[in-house]
Amino acid sequence: MSGPYFDVYVLCSERTEALARQFLDEWASGRISSDADYCIPRFGSHPVHVFTSPDELIRFLDANPCEEQAMYWQSGRDDEIEHAMLFYSSDGAMIAGLSVADWERPRDQVAAVLFRLARSVGARFGYVTMNRPPVLAGQDAFRAECARREIAVMHGTPILIT
């Protein structure tokens, strides 16, 4: 199924290789990387590091909490979860994301995906948007974005404004 998608993002409880793998194994066990290689920095003409494996990059990002990166996978699932995503911010945070197919899906079903995702990575903050990357301007900015959303997790509490 192709878009439009609900994008579901949560601020993970920690930025570790173990949690990244747990997220990917749970939500995208049949994943296919969307990138052939990964560059640090992500944009620019002269990358300092080039990785050909997402596993190598995840290990590097675990060891270098000030580095930023975005990683995307096709989920390989046969349900509404189309893509899995990991975002690493320069303030040491890791954001897990999912693209959920079918914009016409009832809001409570999308909220249920957000709440399950949050529980799976120990997140206390998260939100739903449509076809947009997450706020990466720092953890405080991510939390502020959660407060502006109709479907969110704030301080570990699910919010669904009807």
C-alpha atoms as a PDB file:
ATOM      1  CA  MET A   1       0.000   0.000   0.000  1.00  0.00           C
ATOM      2  CA  SER A   2       1.342   3.454  -0.744  1.00  0.00           C
ATOM      3  CA  GLY A   3       0.707   6.691   1.140  1.00  0.00           C
ATOM      4  CA  PRO A   4      -0.529   8.864   2.434  1.00  0.00           C
ATOM      5  CA  TYR A   5       0.743   7.738   5.802  1.00  0.00           C
ATOM      6  CA  PHE A   6       0.323   8.562   9.423  1.00  0.00           C
ATOM      7  CA  ASP A   7       3.792   9.022  10.855  1.00  0.00           C
ATOM      8  CA  VAL A   8       4.086   7.941  14.468  1.00  0.00           C
ATOM      9  CA  TYR A   9       7.132   9.135  16.456  1.00  0.00           C
ATOM     10  CA  VAL A  10       8.290   8.498  20.001  1.00  0.00           C
ATOM     11  CA  LEU A  11      11.254   9.772  22.001  1.00  0.00           C
ATOM     12  CA  CYS A  12      12.995   6.572  23.113  1.00  0.00           C
ATOM     13  CA  SER A  13      13.919   6.057  26.753  1.00  0.00           C
ATOM     14  CA  GLU A  14      17.584   5.763  25.775  1.00  0.00           C
ATOM     15  CA  ARG A  15      19.894   5.915  22.781  1.00  0.00           C
ATOM     16  CA  THR A  16      21.454   2.465  22.678  1.00  0.00           C
ATOM     17  CA  GLU A  17      22.250  -0.136  20.082  1.00  0.00           C
ATOM     18  CA  ALA A  18      20.260  -2.684  22.099  1.00  0.00           C
ATOM     19  CA  LEU A  19      17.089  -0.563  22.084  1.00  0.00           C
ATOM     20  CA  ALA A  20      17.477   0.221  18.365  1.00  0.00           C
ATOM     21  CA  ARG A  21      17.723  -3.493  17.588  1.00  0.00           C
ATOM     22  CA  GLN A  22      14.792  -4.303  19.856  1.00  0.00           C
ATOM     23  CA  PHE A  23      12.653  -1.715  18.066  1.00  0.00           C
ATOM     24  CA  LEU A  24      13.651  -2.971  14.624  1.00  0.00           C
ATOM     25  CA  ASP A  25      13.193  -6.633  15.490  1.00  0.00           C
ATOM     26  CA  GLU A  26       9.756  -6.014  16.970  1.00  0.00           C
ATOM     27  CA  TRP A  27       8.371  -3.626  14.370  1.00  0.00           C
ATOM     28  CA  ALA A  28      10.265  -4.525  11.184  1.00  0.00           C
ATOM     29  CA  SER A  29      11.701  -8.020  11.461  1.00  0.00           C
ATOM     30  CA  GLY A  30      11.627  -8.421   7.640  1.00  0.00           C
ATOM     31  CA  ARG A  31      13.047  -4.943   7.053  1.00  0.00           C
ATOM     32  CA  ILE A  32      14.763  -3.765   3.900  1.00  0.00           C
ATOM     33  CA  SER A  33      17.035  -0.746   4.223  1.00  0.00           C
ATOM     34  CA  SER A  34      16.024   2.232   2.127  1.00  0.00           C
ATOM     35  CA  ASP A  35      19.650   3.394   1.771  1.00  0.00           C
ATOM     36  CA  ALA A  36      22.642   1.766   0.087  1.00  0.00           C
ATOM     37  CA  ASP A  37      25.083   3.610   2.320  1.00  0.00           C
ATOM     38  CA  TYR A  38      25.055   6.159   5.121  1.00  0.00           C
ATOM     39  CA  CYS A  39      27.235   9.230   5.479  1.00  0.00           C
ATOM     40  CA  ILE A  40      28.246  11.198   8.567  1.00  0.00           C
ATOM     41  CA  PRO A  41      27.545  14.039   8.301  1.00  0.00           C
ATOM     42  CA  ARG A  42      24.391  13.141   6.434  1.00  0.00           C
ATOM     43  CA  PHE A  43      24.537  16.110   4.058  1.00  0.00           C
ATOM     44  CA  GLY A  44      27.580  17.752   2.576  1.00  0.00           C
ATOM     45  CA  SER A  45      30.166  17.103  -0.060  1.00  0.00           C
ATOM     46  CA  HIS A  46      32.822  15.495   2.158  1.00  0.00           C
ATOM     47  CA  PRO A  47      31.523  12.840   4.516  1.00  0.00           C
ATOM     48  CA  VAL A  48      33.812  11.999   7.417  1.00  0.00           C
ATOM     49  CA  HIS A  49      32.412   8.466   7.752  1.00  0.00           C
ATOM     50  CA  VAL A  50      30.665   6.240   5.222  1.00  0.00           C
ATOM     51  CA  PHE A  51      28.853   3.100   6.363  1.00  0.00           C
ATOM     52  CA  THR A  52      27.530   0.407   4.054  1.00  0.00           C
ATOM     53  CA  SER A  53      25.608  -1.424   6.768  1.00  0.00           C
ATOM     54  CA  PRO A  54      22.851  -0.024   8.979  1.00  0.00           C
ATOM     55  CA  ASP A  55      24.188  -2.226  11.802  1.00  0.00           C
ATOM     56  CA  GLU A  56      27.605  -0.556  11.592  1.00  0.00           C
ATOM     57  CA  LEU A  57      25.977   2.862  11.654  1.00  0.00           C
ATOM     58  CA  ILE A  58      23.786   1.994  14.663  1.00  0.00           C
ATOM     59  CA  ARG A  59      26.913   0.875  16.583  1.00  0.00           C
ATOM     60  CA  PHE A  60      28.674   4.114  15.622  1.00  0.00           C
ATOM     61  CA  LEU A  61      25.710   6.269  16.689  1.00  0.00           C
ATOM     62  CA  ASP A  62      25.478   4.437  20.011  1.00  0.00           C
ATOM     63  CA  ALA A  63      29.123   5.298  20.679  1.00  0.00           C
ATOM     64  CA  ASN A  64      28.834   8.894  19.390  1.00  0.00           C
ATOM     65  CA  PRO A  65      25.782  10.525  21.001  1.00  0.00           C
ATOM     66  CA  CYS A  66      26.361  13.960  19.422  1.00  0.00           C
ATOM     67  CA  GLU A  67      26.036  12.656  15.857  1.00  0.00           C
ATOM     68  CA  GLU A  68      22.810  13.132  13.870  1.00  0.00           C
ATOM     69  CA  GLN A  69      21.333  10.655  11.416  1.00  0.00           C
ATOM     70  CA  ALA A  70      18.062   9.445   9.930  1.00  0.00           C
ATOM     71  CA  MET A  71      17.556   5.814   8.950  1.00  0.00           C
ATOM     72  CA  TYR A  72      14.638   4.332   7.009  1.00  0.00           C
ATOM     73  CA  TRP A  73      13.474   0.788   6.268  1.00  0.00           C
ATOM     74  CA  GLN A  74      10.575  -0.803   4.452  1.00  0.00           C
ATOM     75  CA  SER A  75       9.041  -2.836   7.248  1.00  0.00           C
ATOM     76  CA  GLY A  76       8.670  -6.102   5.341  1.00  0.00           C
ATOM     77  CA  ARG A  77       5.381  -6.647   7.172  1.00  0.00           C
ATOM     78  CA  ASP A  78       2.085  -7.609   5.624  1.00  0.00           C
ATOM     79  CA  ASP A  79      -0.060  -5.163   7.596  1.00  0.00           C
ATOM     80  CA  GLU A  80      -0.532  -1.418   8.045  1.00  0.00           C
ATOM     81  CA  ILE A  81       3.059  -0.767   9.219  1.00  0.00           C
ATOM     82  CA  GLU A  82       4.780   0.249   5.989  1.00  0.00           C
ATOM     83  CA  HIS A  83       8.064   1.770   7.212  1.00  0.00           C
ATOM     84  CA  ALA A  84      10.250   1.816  10.310  1.00  0.00           C
ATOM     85  CA  MET A  85      12.540   4.741  11.051  1.00  0.00           C
ATOM     86  CA  LEU A  86      15.226   5.727  13.532  1.00  0.00           C
ATOM     87  CA  PHE A  87      16.357   9.310  14.047  1.00  0.00           C
ATOM     88  CA  TYR A  88      19.380  10.326  16.084  1.00  0.00           C
ATOM     89  CA  SER A  89      19.633  13.924  17.271  1.00  0.00           C
ATOM     90  CA  SER A  90      22.740  15.880  18.225  1.00  0.00           C
ATOM     91  CA  ASP A  91      21.550  16.174  21.838  1.00  0.00           C
ATOM     92  CA  GLY A  92      21.869  12.415  22.380  1.00  0.00           C
ATOM     93  CA  ALA A  93      18.271  11.398  21.738  1.00  0.00           C
ATOM     94  CA  MET A  94      16.887   8.585  19.617  1.00  0.00           C
ATOM     95  CA  ILE A  95      13.445   8.779  18.039  1.00  0.00           C
ATOM     96  CA  ALA A  96      11.693   5.666  16.755  1.00  0.00           C
ATOM     97  CA  GLY A  97       9.100   6.078  14.029  1.00  0.00           C
ATOM     98  CA  LEU A  98       6.592   4.123  12.001  1.00  0.00           C
ATOM     99  CA  SER A  99       4.637   4.965   8.870  1.00  0.00           C
ATOM    100  CA  VAL A 100       1.107   3.603   9.134  1.00  0.00           C
ATOM    101  CA  ALA A 101      -0.733   3.141   5.846  1.00  0.00           C
ATOM    102  CA  ASP A 102      -4.158   4.545   5.060  1.00  0.00           C
ATOM    103  CA  TRP A 103      -4.967   8.099   6.071  1.00  0.00           C
ATOM    104  CA  GLU A 104      -8.638   7.084   6.323  1.00  0.00           C
ATOM    105  CA  ARG A 105      -7.879   4.711   9.222  1.00  0.00           C
ATOM    106  CA  PRO A 106      -9.876   5.623  12.361  1.00  0.00           C
ATOM    107  CA  ARG A 107      -7.925   7.847  14.740  1.00  0.00           C
ATOM    108  CA  ASP A 108      -8.269   5.440  17.650  1.00  0.00           C
ATOM    109  CA  GLN A 109      -6.518   2.725  15.600  1.00  0.00           C
ATOM    110  CA  VAL A 110      -3.619   5.064  14.828  1.00  0.00           C
ATOM    111  CA  ALA A 111      -3.505   6.119  18.490  1.00  0.00           C
ATOM    112  CA  ALA A 112      -3.277   2.440  19.455  1.00  0.00           C
ATOM    113  CA  VAL A 113      -0.166   2.060  17.250  1.00  0.00           C
ATOM    114  CA  LEU A 114       1.399   5.122  18.911  1.00  0.00           C
ATOM    115  CA  PHE A 115       0.691   3.786  22.391  1.00  0.00           C
ATOM    116  CA  ARG A 116       2.055   0.307  21.536  1.00  0.00           C
ATOM    117  CA  LEU A 117       5.185   1.847  19.994  1.00  0.00           C
ATOM    118  CA  ALA A 118       5.732   4.042  23.064  1.00  0.00           C
ATOM    119  CA  ARG A 119       5.459   1.051  25.399  1.00  0.00           C
ATOM    120  CA  SER A 120       7.800  -1.027  23.238  1.00  0.00           C
ATOM    121  CA  VAL A 121      10.702   1.446  23.617  1.00  0.00           C
ATOM    122  CA  GLY A 122       9.906   2.896  27.038  1.00  0.00           C
ATOM    123  CA  ALA A 123       8.904   6.264  25.578  1.00  0.00           C
ATOM    124  CA  ARG A 124       7.112   8.868  27.672  1.00  0.00           C
ATOM    125  CA  PHE A 125       6.603  11.277  24.749  1.00  0.00           C
ATOM    126  CA  GLY A 126       5.339  10.757  21.221  1.00  0.00           C
ATOM    127  CA  TYR A 127       2.954  12.065  18.598  1.00  0.00           C
ATOM    128  CA  VAL A 128       1.267  11.416  15.263  1.00  0.00           C
ATOM    129  CA  THR A 129       1.593  13.540  12.137  1.00  0.00           C
ATOM    130  CA  MET A 130       1.164  13.016   8.412  1.00  0.00           C
ATOM    131  CA  ASN A 131       4.083  12.495   6.009  1.00  0.00           C
ATOM    132  CA  ARG A 132       6.502  14.659   8.015  1.00  0.00           C
ATOM    133  CA  PRO A 133       9.822  13.912   9.675  1.00  0.00           C
ATOM    134  CA  PRO A 134       9.978  14.267  13.447  1.00  0.00           C
ATOM    135  CA  VAL A 135      11.122  17.353  15.288  1.00  0.00           C
ATOM    136  CA  LEU A 136      14.887  16.943  15.692  1.00  0.00           C
ATOM    137  CA  ALA A 137      15.695  20.324  17.242  1.00  0.00           C
ATOM    138  CA  GLY A 138      16.262  18.702  20.642  1.00  0.00           C
ATOM    139  CA  GLN A 139      14.305  16.795  23.227  1.00  0.00           C
ATOM    140  CA  ASP A 140      12.544  19.896  24.574  1.00  0.00           C
ATOM    141  CA  ALA A 141      11.341  20.799  21.055  1.00  0.00           C
ATOM    142  CA  PHE A 142      10.101  17.225  20.554  1.00  0.00           C
ATOM    143  CA  ARG A 143       8.169  17.365  23.845  1.00  0.00           C
ATOM    144  CA  ALA A 144       6.683  20.741  22.870  1.00  0.00           C
ATOM    145  CA  GLU A 145       5.522  19.254  19.559  1.00  0.00           C
ATOM    146  CA  CYS A 146       3.771  16.464  21.473  1.00  0.00           C
ATOM    147  CA  ALA A 147       1.793  19.089  23.390  1.00  0.00           C
ATOM    148  CA  ARG A 148       0.491  20.545  20.101  1.00  0.00           C
ATOM    149  CA  ARG A 149      -0.811  17.244  18.708  1.00  0.00           C
ATOM    150  CA  GLU A 150      -4.278  15.708  18.945  1.00  0.00           C
ATOM    151  CA  ILE A 151      -2.865  12.185  19.205  1.00  0.00           C
ATOM    152  CA  ALA A 152       0.096  12.061  21.577  1.00  0.00           C
ATOM    153  CA  VAL A 153       1.796  10.541  24.577  1.00  0.00           C
ATOM    154  CA  MET A 154       2.744  13.096  27.225  1.00  0.00           C
ATOM    155  CA  HIS A 155       4.629  12.082  30.376  1.00  0.00           C
ATOM    156  CA  GLY A 156       3.647   8.483  29.629  1.00  0.00           C
ATOM    157  CA  THR A 157      -0.082   9.290  29.400  1.00  0.00           C
ATOM    158  CA  PRO A 158      -1.967   8.603  26.142  1.00  0.00           C
ATOM    159  CA  ILE A 159      -3.850  11.608  24.721  1.00  0.00           C
ATOM    160  CA  LEU A 160      -6.523  11.353  22.059  1.00  0.00           C
ATOM    161  CA  ILE A 161      -8.432  14.612  21.560  1.00  0.00           C
ATOM    162  CA  THR A 162     -11.737  13.907  19.854  1.00  0.00           C
END
